[in-house]
Amino acid sequence: MKRVLFLCTGNSCRSQMAEGWLRQLAGNRFEAESAGIRPTALHPDAVLVMREAGVDIAGQRSKNVSEFLERPFDFVITVCDSAHQACPYFPGDVQRLHWSLADPAAATGSHEQRLAVFRQVRDQIAQKIEDFIRQP
């Protein structure tokens, strides 16, 4: 089983959605975790839009990347540019990937307009996860 860590700044939206999608779409082929450089809290709109897609991430929690520095991973995937810049060293034969995704938590406008951004990012992540798990 391949181990994957998704990393972003706050571990509130993008990395949490990626963790949920990988668990949902890849089954037992991968073990998924997520963390943040400066973790905040799981964003309720991320939970909401993932639930709309049939993926429950409500039980996940925001974690600091320091919890994972000594654990072996096959892949570390940064999902925001600031985490890509600040990504710490992970020991072993780790493949690093970077997916530059917009931060849905930074969206402005009405709640429905902000949810539209969350849905767009959710769908982009789903596509990236599908592409990732198809690779040999």
C-alpha atoms as a PDB file:
ATOM      1  CA  MET A   1       0.000   0.000   0.000  1.00  0.00           C
ATOM      2  CA  LYS A   2       1.387   3.388  -1.021  1.00  0.00           C
ATOM      3  CA  ARG A   3       1.400   6.119   1.635  1.00  0.00           C
ATOM      4  CA  VAL A   4       0.465   9.671   0.596  1.00  0.00           C
ATOM      5  CA  LEU A   5       0.635  12.922   2.554  1.00  0.00           C
ATOM      6  CA  PHE A   6      -1.261  15.944   1.218  1.00  0.00           C
ATOM      7  CA  LEU A   7       0.199  19.182   2.502  1.00  0.00           C
ATOM      8  CA  CYS A   8      -1.126  22.748   2.462  1.00  0.00           C
ATOM      9  CA  THR A   9      -0.845  25.779   4.663  1.00  0.00           C
ATOM     10  CA  GLY A  10      -3.854  25.481   6.962  1.00  0.00           C
ATOM     11  CA  ASN A  11      -4.981  21.874   6.413  1.00  0.00           C
ATOM     12  CA  SER A  12      -8.527  23.192   6.393  1.00  0.00           C
ATOM     13  CA  CYS A  13      -9.761  22.716   2.794  1.00  0.00           C
ATOM     14  CA  ARG A  14      -7.645  21.521  -0.119  1.00  0.00           C
ATOM     15  CA  SER A  15      -5.493  18.913   1.613  1.00  0.00           C
ATOM     16  CA  GLN A  16      -8.499  17.661   3.581  1.00  0.00           C
ATOM     17  CA  MET A  17     -10.535  17.244   0.391  1.00  0.00           C
ATOM     18  CA  ALA A  18      -7.615  15.471  -1.306  1.00  0.00           C
ATOM     19  CA  GLU A  19      -7.288  13.071   1.635  1.00  0.00           C
ATOM     20  CA  GLY A  20     -11.003  12.294   1.470  1.00  0.00           C
ATOM     21  CA  TRP A  21     -11.004  11.841  -2.291  1.00  0.00           C
ATOM     22  CA  LEU A  22      -8.025   9.481  -2.258  1.00  0.00           C
ATOM     23  CA  ARG A  23      -9.662   7.316   0.391  1.00  0.00           C
ATOM     24  CA  GLN A  24     -12.919   7.286  -1.566  1.00  0.00           C
ATOM     25  CA  LEU A  25     -11.533   6.681  -5.049  1.00  0.00           C
ATOM     26  CA  ALA A  26      -8.521   4.445  -4.417  1.00  0.00           C
ATOM     27  CA  GLY A  27      -9.884   2.126  -1.756  1.00  0.00           C
ATOM     28  CA  ASN A  28      -7.170   0.135  -0.024  1.00  0.00           C
ATOM     29  CA  ARG A  29      -4.494   0.838  -2.652  1.00  0.00           C
ATOM     30  CA  PHE A  30      -3.319   3.972  -0.808  1.00  0.00           C
ATOM     31  CA  GLU A  31      -3.105   5.233   2.746  1.00  0.00           C
ATOM     32  CA  ALA A  32      -3.974   8.944   2.818  1.00  0.00           C
ATOM     33  CA  GLU A  33      -3.050  11.606   5.361  1.00  0.00           C
ATOM     34  CA  SER A  34      -3.123  15.387   5.286  1.00  0.00           C
ATOM     35  CA  ALA A  35      -1.381  18.106   7.245  1.00  0.00           C
ATOM     36  CA  GLY A  36      -0.662  21.817   7.303  1.00  0.00           C
ATOM     37  CA  ILE A  37       2.369  24.022   7.743  1.00  0.00           C
ATOM     38  CA  ARG A  38       0.254  26.226  10.075  1.00  0.00           C
ATOM     39  CA  PRO A  39      -2.918  24.177  10.680  1.00  0.00           C
ATOM     40  CA  THR A  40      -6.168  25.900  11.517  1.00  0.00           C
ATOM     41  CA  ALA A  41      -9.457  23.954  11.617  1.00  0.00           C
ATOM     42  CA  LEU A  42     -11.409  21.866   9.158  1.00  0.00           C
ATOM     43  CA  HIS A  43     -13.505  24.309   7.118  1.00  0.00           C
ATOM     44  CA  PRO A  44     -17.256  23.595   7.347  1.00  0.00           C
ATOM     45  CA  ASP A  45     -17.780  24.445   3.669  1.00  0.00           C
ATOM     46  CA  ALA A  46     -15.182  21.823   2.680  1.00  0.00           C
ATOM     47  CA  VAL A  47     -17.163  19.281   4.692  1.00  0.00           C
ATOM     48  CA  LEU A  48     -20.407  20.437   3.058  1.00  0.00           C
ATOM     49  CA  VAL A  49     -19.260  20.265  -0.578  1.00  0.00           C
ATOM     50  CA  MET A  50     -17.534  16.932  -0.070  1.00  0.00           C
ATOM     51  CA  ARG A  51     -20.705  15.540   1.485  1.00  0.00           C
ATOM     52  CA  GLU A  52     -22.582  16.731  -1.618  1.00  0.00           C
ATOM     53  CA  ALA A  53     -20.215  14.552  -3.664  1.00  0.00           C
ATOM     54  CA  GLY A  54     -20.756  11.558  -1.382  1.00  0.00           C
ATOM     55  CA  VAL A  55     -17.481  11.830   0.544  1.00  0.00           C
ATOM     56  CA  ASP A  56     -17.632  12.298   4.313  1.00  0.00           C
ATOM     57  CA  ILE A  57     -14.628  14.177   5.728  1.00  0.00           C
ATOM     58  CA  ALA A  58     -16.403  15.410   8.870  1.00  0.00           C
ATOM     59  CA  GLY A  59     -14.361  13.056  11.059  1.00  0.00           C
ATOM     60  CA  GLN A  60     -11.024  14.352   9.797  1.00  0.00           C
ATOM     61  CA  ARG A  61      -9.038  16.898  11.797  1.00  0.00           C
ATOM     62  CA  SER A  62      -6.414  19.493  10.979  1.00  0.00           C
ATOM     63  CA  LYS A  63      -2.916  18.287  11.802  1.00  0.00           C
ATOM     64  CA  ASN A  64       0.517  19.873  11.910  1.00  0.00           C
ATOM     65  CA  VAL A  65       3.079  18.552   9.447  1.00  0.00           C
ATOM     66  CA  SER A  66       5.431  17.986  12.409  1.00  0.00           C
ATOM     67  CA  GLU A  67       3.287  14.945  13.338  1.00  0.00           C
ATOM     68  CA  PHE A  68       4.465  13.251  10.138  1.00  0.00           C
ATOM     69  CA  LEU A  69       8.130  14.190   9.738  1.00  0.00           C
ATOM     70  CA  GLU A  70       9.438  10.840  10.970  1.00  0.00           C
ATOM     71  CA  ARG A  71       6.874   8.718   9.129  1.00  0.00           C
ATOM     72  CA  PRO A  72       7.671   7.153   5.762  1.00  0.00           C
ATOM     73  CA  PHE A  73       5.679   8.303   2.744  1.00  0.00           C
ATOM     74  CA  ASP A  74       5.835   7.270  -0.873  1.00  0.00           C
ATOM     75  CA  PHE A  75       4.391  10.609  -2.005  1.00  0.00           C
ATOM     76  CA  VAL A  76       4.183  14.090  -0.502  1.00  0.00           C
ATOM     77  CA  ILE A  77       1.801  16.226  -2.525  1.00  0.00           C
ATOM     78  CA  THR A  78       1.632  19.946  -1.861  1.00  0.00           C
ATOM     79  CA  VAL A  79      -1.683  21.490  -2.886  1.00  0.00           C
ATOM     80  CA  CYS A  80      -0.853  25.161  -2.457  1.00  0.00           C
ATOM     81  CA  ASP A  81       2.091  27.292  -3.475  1.00  0.00           C
ATOM     82  CA  SER A  82       3.045  28.438   0.034  1.00  0.00           C
ATOM     83  CA  ALA A  83       3.191  24.848   1.311  1.00  0.00           C
ATOM     84  CA  HIS A  84       5.276  23.945  -1.722  1.00  0.00           C
ATOM     85  CA  GLN A  85       7.756  26.677  -0.752  1.00  0.00           C
ATOM     86  CA  ALA A  86       7.798  25.680   2.939  1.00  0.00           C
ATOM     87  CA  CYS A  87       7.624  21.892   2.583  1.00  0.00           C
ATOM     88  CA  PRO A  88      10.024  20.285   5.064  1.00  0.00           C
ATOM     89  CA  TYR A  89      12.374  17.418   4.355  1.00  0.00           C
ATOM     90  CA  PHE A  90      10.928  13.912   4.513  1.00  0.00           C
ATOM     91  CA  PRO A  91      13.361  11.004   4.844  1.00  0.00           C
ATOM     92  CA  GLY A  92      13.513   8.084   2.463  1.00  0.00           C
ATOM     93  CA  ASP A  93      12.570   7.644  -1.148  1.00  0.00           C
ATOM     94  CA  VAL A  94       9.735  10.183  -1.301  1.00  0.00           C
ATOM     95  CA  GLN A  95       8.269  11.451  -4.552  1.00  0.00           C
ATOM     96  CA  ARG A  96       7.219  15.082  -4.278  1.00  0.00           C
ATOM     97  CA  LEU A  97       4.407  16.412  -6.420  1.00  0.00           C
ATOM     98  CA  HIS A  98       2.894  19.881  -6.509  1.00  0.00           C
ATOM     99  CA  TRP A  99      -0.677  20.764  -7.423  1.00  0.00           C
ATOM    100  CA  SER A 100      -1.221  24.528  -7.429  1.00  0.00           C
ATOM    101  CA  LEU A 101      -4.854  24.912  -6.367  1.00  0.00           C
ATOM    102  CA  ALA A 102      -6.742  28.071  -5.480  1.00  0.00           C
ATOM    103  CA  ASP A 103      -7.670  28.493  -1.823  1.00  0.00           C
ATOM    104  CA  PRO A 104     -11.468  28.235  -1.617  1.00  0.00           C
ATOM    105  CA  ALA A 105     -11.404  29.703   1.891  1.00  0.00           C
ATOM    106  CA  ALA A 106     -10.189  32.976   0.335  1.00  0.00           C
ATOM    107  CA  ALA A 107     -13.274  33.237  -1.901  1.00  0.00           C
ATOM    108  CA  THR A 108     -15.443  36.314  -1.499  1.00  0.00           C
ATOM    109  CA  GLY A 109     -19.063  37.120  -2.228  1.00  0.00           C
ATOM    110  CA  SER A 110     -22.276  35.568  -0.989  1.00  0.00           C
ATOM    111  CA  HIS A 111     -22.262  32.189   0.708  1.00  0.00           C
ATOM    112  CA  GLU A 112     -23.547  30.594  -2.504  1.00  0.00           C
ATOM    113  CA  GLN A 113     -20.746  32.265  -4.510  1.00  0.00           C
ATOM    114  CA  ARG A 114     -18.150  31.010  -2.028  1.00  0.00           C
ATOM    115  CA  LEU A 115     -19.647  27.507  -2.163  1.00  0.00           C
ATOM    116  CA  ALA A 116     -19.320  27.591  -5.952  1.00  0.00           C
ATOM    117  CA  VAL A 117     -15.563  28.121  -5.520  1.00  0.00           C
ATOM    118  CA  PHE A 118     -15.381  25.256  -3.014  1.00  0.00           C
ATOM    119  CA  ARG A 119     -17.213  23.015  -5.505  1.00  0.00           C
ATOM    120  CA  GLN A 120     -14.875  24.012  -8.319  1.00  0.00           C
ATOM    121  CA  VAL A 121     -11.776  23.225  -6.238  1.00  0.00           C
ATOM    122  CA  ARG A 122     -13.383  19.976  -5.000  1.00  0.00           C
ATOM    123  CA  ASP A 123     -13.921  18.873  -8.604  1.00  0.00           C
ATOM    124  CA  GLN A 124     -10.386  19.867  -9.646  1.00  0.00           C
ATOM    125  CA  ILE A 125      -8.993  17.783  -6.782  1.00  0.00           C
ATOM    126  CA  ALA A 126     -11.162  14.805  -7.732  1.00  0.00           C
ATOM    127  CA  GLN A 127      -9.781  14.946 -11.279  1.00  0.00           C
ATOM    128  CA  LYS A 128      -6.204  15.185 -10.030  1.00  0.00           C
ATOM    129  CA  ILE A 129      -6.754  12.214  -7.698  1.00  0.00           C
ATOM    130  CA  GLU A 130      -8.253  10.163 -10.542  1.00  0.00           C
ATOM    131  CA  ASP A 131      -5.242  10.985 -12.727  1.00  0.00           C
ATOM    132  CA  PHE A 132      -2.839  10.205  -9.855  1.00  0.00           C
ATOM    133  CA  ILE A 133      -4.269   6.759  -9.104  1.00  0.00           C
ATOM    134  CA  ARG A 134      -4.218   5.791 -12.810  1.00  0.00           C
ATOM    135  CA  GLN A 135      -0.447   6.281 -12.978  1.00  0.00           C
ATOM    136  CA  PRO A 136       1.662   3.118 -12.732  1.00  0.00           C
END
